[in-house]
Amino acid sequence: MPTTLTLKNIPDAVYTRLRAQAALNRRSLNNEAIVCLENVLNLRPTDPAQRSASLRALRASLGPLNCDAPTIDALKRQGRE
């Protein structure tokens, strides 16, 4: 059975971002808040096959990676000096 939750003292920046995200996703502010909570709390079951397919598509979209050991080491050191 659904329960009602009232949130108080929401920072303006959080409210503005949530409202913008709701508009972008064509959801009500309430539904967007529920989706955000579900995502943060990992309440949505994930299908391993679907997740693997998404990761493969992401990797394919990045193109070939030309990273050898010296390049990786240089990138790790970058900003630390």
PDB file of N, CA and C in Angstrom:
ATOM      1  N   MET A   1       0.837  -1.172   0.000  1.00  0.00           N
ATOM      2  CA  MET A   1       0.000   0.000   0.000  1.00  0.00           C
ATOM      3  C   MET A   1       0.887   1.242   0.000  1.00  0.00           C
ATOM      4  N   PRO A   2       0.699   2.154  -0.953  1.00  0.00           N
ATOM      5  CA  PRO A   2       1.507   3.371  -1.012  1.00  0.00           C
ATOM      6  C   PRO A   2       1.344   4.224   0.239  1.00  0.00           C
ATOM      7  N   THR A   3       2.423   4.897   0.581  1.00  0.00           N
ATOM      8  CA  THR A   3       2.453   5.770   1.746  1.00  0.00           C
ATOM      9  C   THR A   3       2.771   7.178   1.294  1.00  0.00           C
ATOM     10  N   THR A   4       2.265   8.165   2.008  1.00  0.00           N
ATOM     11  CA  THR A   4       2.538   9.557   1.700  1.00  0.00           C
ATOM     12  C   THR A   4       3.727  10.032   2.515  1.00  0.00           C
ATOM     13  N   LEU A   5       4.583  10.796   1.875  1.00  0.00           N
ATOM     14  CA  LEU A   5       5.768  11.348   2.515  1.00  0.00           C
ATOM     15  C   LEU A   5       5.800  12.839   2.222  1.00  0.00           C
ATOM     16  N   THR A   6       5.972  13.637   3.241  1.00  0.00           N
ATOM     17  CA  THR A   6       6.091  15.077   3.070  1.00  0.00           C
ATOM     18  C   THR A   6       7.522  15.480   3.356  1.00  0.00           C
ATOM     19  N   LEU A   7       8.123  16.217   2.444  1.00  0.00           N
ATOM     20  CA  LEU A   7       9.491  16.687   2.622  1.00  0.00           C
ATOM     21  C   LEU A   7       9.465  18.177   2.935  1.00  0.00           C
ATOM     22  N   LYS A   8      10.257  18.572   3.919  1.00  0.00           N
ATOM     23  CA  LYS A   8      10.337  19.978   4.311  1.00  0.00           C
ATOM     24  C   LYS A   8      11.761  20.471   4.158  1.00  0.00           C
ATOM     25  N   ASN A   9      11.890  21.761   3.992  1.00  0.00           N
ATOM     26  CA  ASN A   9      13.194  22.427   3.927  1.00  0.00           C
ATOM     27  C   ASN A   9      14.076  21.906   2.799  1.00  0.00           C
ATOM     28  N   ILE A  10      13.482  21.654   1.662  1.00  0.00           N
ATOM     29  CA  ILE A  10      14.239  21.213   0.497  1.00  0.00           C
ATOM     30  C   ILE A  10      15.029  22.416  -0.017  1.00  0.00           C
ATOM     31  N   PRO A  11      16.331  22.268  -0.184  1.00  0.00           N
ATOM     32  CA  PRO A  11      17.130  23.392  -0.699  1.00  0.00           C
ATOM     33  C   PRO A  11      16.634  23.820  -2.088  1.00  0.00           C
ATOM     34  N   ASP A  12      16.688  25.114  -2.353  1.00  0.00           N
ATOM     35  CA  ASP A  12      16.202  25.644  -3.622  1.00  0.00           C
ATOM     36  C   ASP A  12      16.877  24.977  -4.811  1.00  0.00           C
ATOM     37  N   ALA A  13      18.177  24.743  -4.719  1.00  0.00           N
ATOM     38  CA  ALA A  13      18.906  24.135  -5.831  1.00  0.00           C
ATOM     39  C   ALA A  13      18.411  22.719  -6.108  1.00  0.00           C
ATOM     40  N   VAL A  14      18.096  21.972  -5.053  1.00  0.00           N
ATOM     41  CA  VAL A  14      17.589  20.602  -5.223  1.00  0.00           C
ATOM     42  C   VAL A  14      16.212  20.634  -5.868  1.00  0.00           C
ATOM     43  N   TYR A  15      15.359  21.527  -5.385  1.00  0.00           N
ATOM     44  CA  TYR A  15      14.015  21.641  -5.939  1.00  0.00           C
ATOM     45  C   TYR A  15      14.055  22.041  -7.411  1.00  0.00           C
ATOM     46  N   THR A  16      14.895  23.009  -7.728  1.00  0.00           N
ATOM     47  CA  THR A  16      15.007  23.476  -9.111  1.00  0.00           C
ATOM     48  C   THR A  16      15.487  22.362 -10.026  1.00  0.00           C
ATOM     49  N   ARG A  17      16.484  21.628  -9.568  1.00  0.00           N
ATOM     50  CA  ARG A  17      17.030  20.526 -10.381  1.00  0.00           C
ATOM     51  C   ARG A  17      16.002  19.411 -10.550  1.00  0.00           C
ATOM     52  N   LEU A  18      15.290  19.082  -9.482  1.00  0.00           N
ATOM     53  CA  LEU A  18      14.263  18.037  -9.551  1.00  0.00           C
ATOM     54  C   LEU A  18      13.139  18.443 -10.490  1.00  0.00           C
ATOM     55  N   ARG A  19      12.719  19.695 -10.407  1.00  0.00           N
ATOM     56  CA  ARG A  19      11.652  20.193 -11.275  1.00  0.00           C
ATOM     57  C   ARG A  19      12.089  20.158 -12.737  1.00  0.00           C
ATOM     58  N   ALA A  20      13.335  20.568 -13.005  1.00  0.00           N
ATOM     59  CA  ALA A  20      13.845  20.539 -14.383  1.00  0.00           C
ATOM     60  C   ALA A  20      13.938  19.106 -14.899  1.00  0.00           C
ATOM     61  N   GLN A  21      14.402  18.199 -14.048  1.00  0.00           N
ATOM     62  CA  GLN A  21      14.530  16.794 -14.447  1.00  0.00           C
ATOM     63  C   GLN A  21      13.152  16.187 -14.704  1.00  0.00           C
ATOM     64  N   ALA A  22      12.178  16.551 -13.894  1.00  0.00           N
ATOM     65  CA  ALA A  22      10.813  16.057 -14.090  1.00  0.00           C
ATOM     66  C   ALA A  22      10.262  16.531 -15.430  1.00  0.00           C
ATOM     67  N   ALA A  23      10.500  17.785 -15.756  1.00  0.00           N
ATOM     68  CA  ALA A  23      10.021  18.322 -17.036  1.00  0.00           C
ATOM     69  C   ALA A  23      10.721  17.618 -18.197  1.00  0.00           C
ATOM     70  N   LEU A  24      12.013  17.394 -18.055  1.00  0.00           N
ATOM     71  CA  LEU A  24      12.771  16.721 -19.108  1.00  0.00           C
ATOM     72  C   LEU A  24      12.250  15.309 -19.353  1.00  0.00           C
ATOM     73  N   ASN A  25      11.873  14.619 -18.277  1.00  0.00           N
ATOM     74  CA  ASN A  25      11.379  13.247 -18.377  1.00  0.00           C
ATOM     75  C   ASN A  25       9.865  13.159 -18.523  1.00  0.00           C
ATOM     76  N   ARG A  26       9.217  14.313 -18.610  1.00  0.00           N
ATOM     77  CA  ARG A  26       7.751  14.384 -18.742  1.00  0.00           C
ATOM     78  C   ARG A  26       7.054  13.635 -17.613  1.00  0.00           C
ATOM     79  N   ARG A  27       7.540  13.912 -16.390  1.00  0.00           N
ATOM     80  CA  ARG A  27       6.938  13.314 -15.199  1.00  0.00           C
ATOM     81  C   ARG A  27       6.477  14.428 -14.281  1.00  0.00           C
ATOM     82  N   SER A  28       5.574  14.074 -13.372  1.00  0.00           N
ATOM     83  CA  SER A  28       5.217  15.021 -12.327  1.00  0.00           C
ATOM     84  C   SER A  28       6.392  15.120 -11.362  1.00  0.00           C
ATOM     85  N   LEU A  29       6.399  16.169 -10.571  1.00  0.00           N
ATOM     86  CA  LEU A  29       7.442  16.344  -9.579  1.00  0.00           C
ATOM     87  C   LEU A  29       7.445  15.172  -8.604  1.00  0.00           C
ATOM     88  N   ASN A  30       6.276  14.714  -8.217  1.00  0.00           N
ATOM     89  CA  ASN A  30       6.150  13.580  -7.311  1.00  0.00           C
ATOM     90  C   ASN A  30       6.733  12.308  -7.926  1.00  0.00           C
ATOM     91  N   ASN A  31       6.368  12.013  -9.176  1.00  0.00           N
ATOM     92  CA  ASN A  31       6.881  10.802  -9.826  1.00  0.00           C
ATOM     93  C   ASN A  31       8.380  10.862 -10.023  1.00  0.00           C
ATOM     94  N   GLU A  32       8.910  12.052 -10.336  1.00  0.00           N
ATOM     95  CA  GLU A  32      10.355  12.188 -10.512  1.00  0.00           C
ATOM     96  C   GLU A  32      11.071  11.925  -9.187  1.00  0.00           C
ATOM     97  N   ALA A  33      10.514  12.422  -8.094  1.00  0.00           N
ATOM     98  CA  ALA A  33      11.114  12.184  -6.781  1.00  0.00           C
ATOM     99  C   ALA A  33      11.108  10.687  -6.451  1.00  0.00           C
ATOM    100  N   ILE A  34      10.030   9.999  -6.778  1.00  0.00           N
ATOM    101  CA  ILE A  34       9.948   8.555  -6.527  1.00  0.00           C
ATOM    102  C   ILE A  34      10.989   7.811  -7.356  1.00  0.00           C
ATOM    103  N   VAL A  35      11.125   8.161  -8.633  1.00  0.00           N
ATOM    104  CA  VAL A  35      12.110   7.506  -9.502  1.00  0.00           C
ATOM    105  C   VAL A  35      13.519   7.742  -8.963  1.00  0.00           C
ATOM    106  N   CYS A  36      13.800   8.971  -8.545  1.00  0.00           N
ATOM    107  CA  CYS A  36      15.125   9.283  -7.983  1.00  0.00           C
ATOM    108  C   CYS A  36      15.397   8.450  -6.738  1.00  0.00           C
ATOM    109  N   LEU A  37      14.425   8.347  -5.862  1.00  0.00           N
ATOM    110  CA  LEU A  37      14.602   7.544  -4.651  1.00  0.00           C
ATOM    111  C   LEU A  37      14.798   6.072  -4.990  1.00  0.00           C
ATOM    112  N   GLU A  38      14.024   5.565  -5.934  1.00  0.00           N
ATOM    113  CA  GLU A  38      14.184   4.159  -6.336  1.00  0.00           C
ATOM    114  C   GLU A  38      15.585   3.909  -6.894  1.00  0.00           C
ATOM    115  N   ASN A  39      16.064   4.835  -7.697  1.00  0.00           N
ATOM    116  CA  ASN A  39      17.394   4.674  -8.287  1.00  0.00           C
ATOM    117  C   ASN A  39      18.482   4.722  -7.224  1.00  0.00           C
ATOM    118  N   VAL A  40      18.394   5.659  -6.316  1.00  0.00           N
ATOM    119  CA  VAL A  40      19.417   5.802  -5.265  1.00  0.00           C
ATOM    120  C   VAL A  40      19.402   4.598  -4.330  1.00  0.00           C
ATOM    121  N   LEU A  41      18.234   4.099  -4.048  1.00  0.00           N
ATOM    122  CA  LEU A  41      18.105   2.970  -3.126  1.00  0.00           C
ATOM    123  C   LEU A  41      18.210   1.621  -3.832  1.00  0.00           C
ATOM    124  N   ASN A  42      18.438   1.645  -5.131  1.00  0.00           N
ATOM    125  CA  ASN A  42      18.577   0.424  -5.930  1.00  0.00           C
ATOM    126  C   ASN A  42      17.390  -0.518  -5.769  1.00  0.00           C
ATOM    127  N   LEU A  43      16.207   0.031  -5.846  1.00  0.00           N
ATOM    128  CA  LEU A  43      15.009  -0.783  -5.681  1.00  0.00           C
ATOM    129  C   LEU A  43      14.515  -1.386  -6.996  1.00  0.00           C
ATOM    130  N   ARG A  44      15.030  -0.882  -8.105  1.00  0.00           N
ATOM    131  CA  ARG A  44      14.601  -1.421  -9.385  1.00  0.00           C
ATOM    132  C   ARG A  44      15.464  -2.623  -9.738  1.00  0.00           C
ATOM    133  N   PRO A  45      14.835  -3.736 -10.019  1.00  0.00           N
ATOM    134  CA  PRO A  45      15.639  -4.903 -10.400  1.00  0.00           C
ATOM    135  C   PRO A  45      16.317  -4.655 -11.747  1.00  0.00           C
ATOM    136  N   THR A  46      17.551  -5.074 -11.853  1.00  0.00           N
ATOM    137  CA  THR A  46      18.268  -4.910 -13.117  1.00  0.00           C
ATOM    138  C   THR A  46      18.473  -6.277 -13.752  1.00  0.00           C
ATOM    139  N   ASP A  47      18.264  -6.310 -15.030  1.00  0.00           N
ATOM    140  CA  ASP A  47      18.454  -7.527 -15.798  1.00  0.00           C
ATOM    141  C   ASP A  47      19.920  -7.584 -16.217  1.00  0.00           C
ATOM    142  N   PRO A  48      20.660  -8.606 -15.770  1.00  0.00           N
ATOM    143  CA  PRO A  48      22.092  -8.678 -16.106  1.00  0.00           C
ATOM    144  C   PRO A  48      22.360  -8.655 -17.610  1.00  0.00           C
ATOM    145  N   ALA A  49      21.528  -9.291 -18.403  1.00  0.00           N
ATOM    146  CA  ALA A  49      21.726  -9.306 -19.854  1.00  0.00           C
ATOM    147  C   ALA A  49      21.553  -7.903 -20.432  1.00  0.00           C
ATOM    148  N   GLN A  50      20.558  -7.179 -19.926  1.00  0.00           N
ATOM    149  CA  GLN A  50      20.319  -5.823 -20.404  1.00  0.00           C
ATOM    150  C   GLN A  50      21.467  -4.896 -19.987  1.00  0.00           C
ATOM    151  N   ARG A  51      21.957  -5.065 -18.777  1.00  0.00           N
ATOM    152  CA  ARG A  51      23.074  -4.246 -18.295  1.00  0.00           C
ATOM    153  C   ARG A  51      24.330  -4.523 -19.128  1.00  0.00           C
ATOM    154  N   SER A  52      24.590  -5.793 -19.438  1.00  0.00           N
ATOM    155  CA  SER A  52      25.741  -6.152 -20.266  1.00  0.00           C
ATOM    156  C   SER A  52      25.617  -5.549 -21.661  1.00  0.00           C
ATOM    157  N   ALA A  53      24.424  -5.596 -22.222  1.00  0.00           N
ATOM    158  CA  ALA A  53      24.206  -5.027 -23.553  1.00  0.00           C
ATOM    159  C   ALA A  53      24.449  -3.519 -23.531  1.00  0.00           C
ATOM    160  N   SER A  54      24.006  -2.853 -22.485  1.00  0.00           N
ATOM    161  CA  SER A  54      24.230  -1.407 -22.363  1.00  0.00           C
ATOM    162  C   SER A  54      25.714  -1.096 -22.268  1.00  0.00           C
ATOM    163  N   LEU A  55      26.435  -1.878 -21.486  1.00  0.00           N
ATOM    164  CA  LEU A  55      27.869  -1.658 -21.342  1.00  0.00           C
ATOM    165  C   LEU A  55      28.612  -1.922 -22.647  1.00  0.00           C
ATOM    166  N   ARG A  56      28.210  -2.959 -23.373  1.00  0.00           N
ATOM    167  CA  ARG A  56      28.837  -3.244 -24.668  1.00  0.00           C
ATOM    168  C   ARG A  56      28.583  -2.104 -25.650  1.00  0.00           C
ATOM    169  N   ALA A  57      27.363  -1.568 -25.643  1.00  0.00           N
ATOM    170  CA  ALA A  57      27.033  -0.455 -26.542  1.00  0.00           C
ATOM    171  C   ALA A  57      27.848   0.783 -26.180  1.00  0.00           C
ATOM    172  N   LEU A  58      28.001   1.033 -24.893  1.00  0.00           N
ATOM    173  CA  LEU A  58      28.806   2.176 -24.457  1.00  0.00           C
ATOM    174  C   LEU A  58      30.245   2.021 -24.894  1.00  0.00           C
ATOM    175  N   ARG A  59      30.793   0.840 -24.689  1.00  0.00           N
ATOM    176  CA  ARG A  59      32.183   0.598 -25.078  1.00  0.00           C
ATOM    177  C   ARG A  59      32.360   0.749 -26.584  1.00  0.00           C
ATOM    178  N   ALA A  60      31.417   0.251 -27.362  1.00  0.00           N
ATOM    179  CA  ALA A  60      31.498   0.364 -28.821  1.00  0.00           C
ATOM    180  C   ALA A  60      31.428   1.821 -29.260  1.00  0.00           C
ATOM    181  N   SER A  61      30.639   2.628 -28.544  1.00  0.00           N
ATOM    182  CA  SER A  61      30.505   4.040 -28.919  1.00  0.00           C
ATOM    183  C   SER A  61      31.776   4.833 -28.639  1.00  0.00           C
ATOM    184  N   LEU A  62      32.635   4.330 -27.761  1.00  0.00           N
ATOM    185  CA  LEU A  62      33.871   5.033 -27.424  1.00  0.00           C
ATOM    186  C   LEU A  62      34.944   4.857 -28.488  1.00  0.00           C
ATOM    187  N   GLY A  63      34.816   3.855 -29.313  1.00  0.00           N
ATOM    188  CA  GLY A  63      35.811   3.606 -30.345  1.00  0.00           C
ATOM    189  C   GLY A  63      37.025   2.912 -29.764  1.00  0.00           C
ATOM    190  N   PRO A  64      38.030   2.716 -30.613  1.00  0.00           N
ATOM    191  CA  PRO A  64      39.226   2.016 -30.131  1.00  0.00           C
ATOM    192  C   PRO A  64      39.984   2.856 -29.107  1.00  0.00           C
ATOM    193  N   LEU A  65      40.462   2.202 -28.090  1.00  0.00           N
ATOM    194  CA  LEU A  65      41.234   2.866 -27.050  1.00  0.00           C
ATOM    195  C   LEU A  65      42.703   2.540 -27.247  1.00  0.00           C
ATOM    196  N   ASN A  66      43.491   3.551 -27.455  1.00  0.00           N
ATOM    197  CA  ASN A  66      44.923   3.368 -27.671  1.00  0.00           C
ATOM    198  C   ASN A  66      45.668   3.742 -26.395  1.00  0.00           C
ATOM    199  N   CYS A  67      45.577   2.905 -25.419  1.00  0.00           N
ATOM    200  CA  CYS A  67      46.235   3.177 -24.139  1.00  0.00           C
ATOM    201  C   CYS A  67      47.243   2.071 -23.844  1.00  0.00           C
ATOM    202  N   ASP A  68      48.502   2.466 -23.833  1.00  0.00           N
ATOM    203  CA  ASP A  68      49.528   1.532 -23.420  1.00  0.00           C
ATOM    204  C   ASP A  68      49.923   1.868 -21.987  1.00  0.00           C
ATOM    205  N   ALA A  69      50.740   1.053 -21.388  1.00  0.00           N
ATOM    206  CA  ALA A  69      51.110   1.228 -19.974  1.00  0.00           C
ATOM    207  C   ALA A  69      51.717   2.603 -19.686  1.00  0.00           C
ATOM    208  N   PRO A  70      52.647   3.110 -20.496  1.00  0.00           N
ATOM    209  CA  PRO A  70      53.200   4.437 -20.199  1.00  0.00           C
ATOM    210  C   PRO A  70      52.152   5.556 -20.245  1.00  0.00           C
ATOM    211  N   THR A  71      51.207   5.464 -21.183  1.00  0.00           N
ATOM    212  CA  THR A  71      50.150   6.469 -21.265  1.00  0.00           C
ATOM    213  C   THR A  71      49.264   6.412 -20.028  1.00  0.00           C
ATOM    214  N   ILE A  72      48.909   5.220 -19.602  1.00  0.00           N
ATOM    215  CA  ILE A  72      48.079   5.061 -18.403  1.00  0.00           C
ATOM    216  C   ILE A  72      48.803   5.617 -17.184  1.00  0.00           C
ATOM    217  N   ASP A  73      50.095   5.316 -17.044  1.00  0.00           N
ATOM    218  CA  ASP A  73      50.867   5.836 -15.905  1.00  0.00           C
ATOM    219  C   ASP A  73      50.929   7.355 -15.929  1.00  0.00           C
ATOM    220  N   ALA A  74      51.121   7.929 -17.116  1.00  0.00           N
ATOM    221  CA  ALA A  74      51.179   9.390 -17.241  1.00  0.00           C
ATOM    222  C   ALA A  74      49.839  10.019 -16.858  1.00  0.00           C
ATOM    223  N   LEU A  75      48.740   9.403 -17.261  1.00  0.00           N
ATOM    224  CA  LEU A  75      47.417   9.917 -16.903  1.00  0.00           C
ATOM    225  C   LEU A  75      47.178   9.826 -15.401  1.00  0.00           C
ATOM    226  N   LYS A  76      47.669   8.767 -14.763  1.00  0.00           N
ATOM    227  CA  LYS A  76      47.508   8.626 -13.311  1.00  0.00           C
ATOM    228  C   LYS A  76      48.272   9.721 -12.578  1.00  0.00           C
ATOM    229  N   ARG A  77      49.451  10.084 -13.088  1.00  0.00           N
ATOM    230  CA  ARG A  77      50.269  11.105 -12.450  1.00  0.00           C
ATOM    231  C   ARG A  77      49.779  12.520 -12.712  1.00  0.00           C
ATOM    232  N   GLN A  78      48.991  12.672 -13.789  1.00  0.00           N
ATOM    233  CA  GLN A  78      48.516  13.982 -14.186  1.00  0.00           C
ATOM    234  C   GLN A  78      47.710  14.623 -13.054  1.00  0.00           C
ATOM    235  N   GLY A  79      48.038  15.814 -12.700  1.00  0.00           N
ATOM    236  CA  GLY A  79      47.338  16.542 -11.650  1.00  0.00           C
ATOM    237  C   GLY A  79      47.841  16.257 -10.262  1.00  0.00           C
ATOM    238  N   ARG A  80      48.718  15.301 -10.093  1.00  0.00           N
ATOM    239  CA  ARG A  80      49.256  14.988  -8.783  1.00  0.00           C
ATOM    240  C   ARG A  80      50.538  15.748  -8.495  1.00  0.00           C
ATOM    241  N   GLU A  81      51.128  16.288  -9.549  1.00  0.00           N
ATOM    242  CA  GLU A  81      52.431  16.941  -9.393  1.00  0.00           C
ATOM    243  C   GLU A  81      52.281  18.391  -9.013  1.00  0.00           C
TER     244      GLU A  81
END
